[in-house]
Each structure stands twice: as structure tokens, then as C-alpha cells.
Amino acid sequence: MIFEIDDRVMCRDEGGEVLTGTIIFLNKNEYGESTGYVVQLDDNRIIGCSRYQIARIDTE
């Protein structure tokens, strides 16, 4: 799945808690492929999530 900046997402922290927020930055490798995401959570904390920890929230 391809994610973009401003996508609403959920991810799990190390303790397994589900967190929700908005992607604010994409980490990319030398080939331009997204490898991780910086997410601003709904409580304004900022965390990093790998592509394996993240899922899109349907907003429609």
C-alpha cells in the first residue's frame, strides 16, 4: 500500500497500543521507495512508524 503526506493512519506502538494520526513526512531509500513514516498523532506527539506498523484509516 502506498501512503502519502496528510493520509490519516493508525499504527501500533511497541506495547501494542493502537495510535491514530496523520502522516507528516515520508522516509525514503536511495531508490525513492517509502521505508517509514513520521506521524503526528491526534494528541500532537510525533512518532516514526515502519511500513509494517501502519494502516490507512478510511475517511470516506
N, C-alpha and C. Protein backbone atom coordinates (compact mmCIF):
# COMPACT_ATOMS: atom_id res chain seq x y z
N MET A 1 0.84 -1.18 0.00
CA MET A 1 0.00 0.00 0.00
C MET A 1 0.89 1.24 0.00
N ILE A 2 0.49 2.23 -0.77
CA ILE A 2 1.25 3.47 -0.86
C ILE A 2 0.58 4.51 0.01
N PHE A 3 1.37 5.17 0.84
CA PHE A 3 0.88 6.22 1.72
C PHE A 3 1.47 7.55 1.27
N GLU A 4 0.74 8.61 1.53
CA GLU A 4 1.16 9.96 1.18
C GLU A 4 1.07 10.86 2.40
N ILE A 5 1.73 12.00 2.34
CA ILE A 5 1.62 13.00 3.39
C ILE A 5 0.15 13.40 3.49
N ASP A 6 -0.32 13.63 4.69
CA ASP A 6 -1.69 14.01 5.05
C ASP A 6 -2.66 12.83 5.11
N ASP A 7 -2.21 11.60 4.81
CA ASP A 7 -3.09 10.44 4.98
C ASP A 7 -3.36 10.22 6.47
N ARG A 8 -4.62 9.90 6.79
CA ARG A 8 -4.99 9.51 8.15
C ARG A 8 -4.64 8.04 8.31
N VAL A 9 -3.90 7.72 9.36
CA VAL A 9 -3.42 6.36 9.56
C VAL A 9 -3.54 5.94 11.02
N MET A 10 -3.40 4.64 11.21
CA MET A 10 -3.25 4.10 12.56
C MET A 10 -1.99 3.24 12.56
N CYS A 11 -1.35 3.19 13.71
CA CYS A 11 -0.17 2.33 13.85
C CYS A 11 -0.13 1.82 15.28
N ARG A 12 0.67 0.81 15.50
CA ARG A 12 0.81 0.23 16.84
C ARG A 12 2.15 0.64 17.42
N ASP A 13 2.13 1.03 18.69
CA ASP A 13 3.40 1.32 19.36
C ASP A 13 4.03 0.01 19.83
N GLU A 14 5.17 0.10 20.47
CA GLU A 14 5.89 -1.10 20.89
C GLU A 14 5.11 -1.93 21.90
N GLY A 15 4.20 -1.30 22.64
CA GLY A 15 3.38 -2.02 23.61
C GLY A 15 2.11 -2.60 23.01
N GLY A 16 1.88 -2.37 21.71
CA GLY A 16 0.72 -2.91 21.03
C GLY A 16 -0.49 -1.99 21.01
N GLU A 17 -0.36 -0.80 21.63
CA GLU A 17 -1.48 0.16 21.64
C GLU A 17 -1.68 0.74 20.24
N VAL A 18 -2.92 0.86 19.82
CA VAL A 18 -3.25 1.44 18.52
C VAL A 18 -3.29 2.96 18.66
N LEU A 19 -2.54 3.63 17.80
CA LEU A 19 -2.46 5.09 17.81
C LEU A 19 -2.95 5.61 16.46
N THR A 20 -3.59 6.77 16.45
CA THR A 20 -4.07 7.34 15.19
C THR A 20 -3.47 8.73 15.00
N GLY A 21 -3.29 9.09 13.73
CA GLY A 21 -2.74 10.40 13.42
C GLY A 21 -2.65 10.62 11.93
N THR A 22 -1.80 11.57 11.54
CA THR A 22 -1.65 11.99 10.15
C THR A 22 -0.18 11.94 9.76
N ILE A 23 0.10 11.39 8.58
CA ILE A 23 1.48 11.34 8.09
C ILE A 23 1.94 12.76 7.77
N ILE A 24 3.12 13.13 8.32
CA ILE A 24 3.67 14.46 8.05
C ILE A 24 5.00 14.41 7.30
N PHE A 25 5.60 13.21 7.19
CA PHE A 25 6.88 13.09 6.48
C PHE A 25 7.05 11.65 6.03
N LEU A 26 7.64 11.47 4.84
CA LEU A 26 7.93 10.14 4.31
C LEU A 26 9.44 9.92 4.32
N ASN A 27 9.90 8.83 4.92
CA ASN A 27 11.30 8.43 4.84
C ASN A 27 11.45 7.57 3.59
N LYS A 28 12.45 7.88 2.76
CA LYS A 28 12.64 7.12 1.52
C LYS A 28 14.06 6.59 1.42
N ASN A 29 14.19 5.46 0.72
CA ASN A 29 15.53 4.90 0.49
C ASN A 29 16.13 5.53 -0.76
N GLU A 30 17.29 5.07 -1.15
CA GLU A 30 18.00 5.65 -2.30
C GLU A 30 17.27 5.44 -3.62
N TYR A 31 16.29 4.57 -3.65
CA TYR A 31 15.52 4.31 -4.86
C TYR A 31 14.20 5.10 -4.88
N GLY A 32 13.96 5.91 -3.85
CA GLY A 32 12.74 6.70 -3.77
C GLY A 32 11.55 5.96 -3.20
N GLU A 33 11.79 4.74 -2.70
CA GLU A 33 10.70 3.95 -2.11
C GLU A 33 10.51 4.34 -0.65
N SER A 34 9.26 4.48 -0.22
CA SER A 34 8.98 4.81 1.18
C SER A 34 9.37 3.64 2.07
N THR A 35 10.12 3.93 3.12
CA THR A 35 10.55 2.90 4.05
C THR A 35 10.01 3.12 5.45
N GLY A 36 9.51 4.30 5.71
CA GLY A 36 8.97 4.63 7.01
C GLY A 36 8.23 5.94 6.95
N TYR A 37 7.55 6.24 8.04
CA TYR A 37 6.67 7.40 8.05
C TYR A 37 6.79 8.11 9.38
N VAL A 38 6.70 9.44 9.33
CA VAL A 38 6.62 10.24 10.55
C VAL A 38 5.16 10.66 10.67
N VAL A 39 4.59 10.34 11.84
CA VAL A 39 3.16 10.55 12.05
C VAL A 39 2.96 11.50 13.23
N GLN A 40 2.14 12.53 13.00
CA GLN A 40 1.71 13.38 14.11
C GLN A 40 0.42 12.79 14.64
N LEU A 41 0.48 12.31 15.88
CA LEU A 41 -0.68 11.67 16.49
C LEU A 41 -1.75 12.69 16.84
N ASP A 42 -2.94 12.20 17.07
CA ASP A 42 -4.06 13.08 17.41
C ASP A 42 -3.80 13.86 18.70
N ASP A 43 -2.93 13.35 19.57
CA ASP A 43 -2.61 14.07 20.81
C ASP A 43 -1.37 14.96 20.64
N ASN A 44 -0.95 15.18 19.37
CA ASN A 44 0.15 16.05 18.96
C ASN A 44 1.55 15.48 19.17
N ARG A 45 1.68 14.26 19.70
CA ARG A 45 3.00 13.63 19.75
C ARG A 45 3.40 13.27 18.32
N ILE A 46 4.70 13.17 18.09
CA ILE A 46 5.22 12.79 16.78
C ILE A 46 6.03 11.51 16.95
N ILE A 47 5.72 10.52 16.12
CA ILE A 47 6.40 9.22 16.20
C ILE A 47 6.79 8.76 14.80
N GLY A 48 7.70 7.81 14.74
CA GLY A 48 8.06 7.15 13.50
C GLY A 48 7.40 5.78 13.43
N CYS A 49 6.94 5.41 12.25
CA CYS A 49 6.31 4.10 12.03
C CYS A 49 6.92 3.47 10.79
N SER A 50 7.18 2.18 10.85
CA SER A 50 7.64 1.48 9.65
C SER A 50 6.43 1.14 8.78
N ARG A 51 6.70 0.74 7.58
CA ARG A 51 5.60 0.38 6.67
C ARG A 51 4.85 -0.86 7.14
N TYR A 52 5.44 -1.61 8.06
CA TYR A 52 4.80 -2.81 8.58
C TYR A 52 3.90 -2.51 9.78
N GLN A 53 4.00 -1.31 10.35
CA GLN A 53 3.23 -0.94 11.53
C GLN A 53 2.02 -0.07 11.21
N ILE A 54 1.79 0.26 9.96
CA ILE A 54 0.86 1.33 9.63
C ILE A 54 -0.27 0.83 8.74
N ALA A 55 -1.45 1.44 8.91
CA ALA A 55 -2.61 1.12 8.08
C ALA A 55 -3.42 2.41 7.88
N ARG A 56 -4.00 2.54 6.72
CA ARG A 56 -4.80 3.72 6.40
C ARG A 56 -6.15 3.64 7.12
N ILE A 57 -6.63 4.79 7.57
CA ILE A 57 -7.98 4.91 8.13
C ILE A 57 -8.87 5.43 7.02
N ASP A 58 -9.96 4.73 6.75
CA ASP A 58 -10.90 5.22 5.75
C ASP A 58 -11.61 6.44 6.29
N THR A 59 -11.57 7.53 5.54
CA THR A 59 -12.21 8.75 5.97
C THR A 59 -13.45 9.06 5.16
N GLU A 60 -13.81 8.17 4.26
CA GLU A 60 -15.00 8.38 3.43
C GLU A 60 -16.13 7.49 3.86
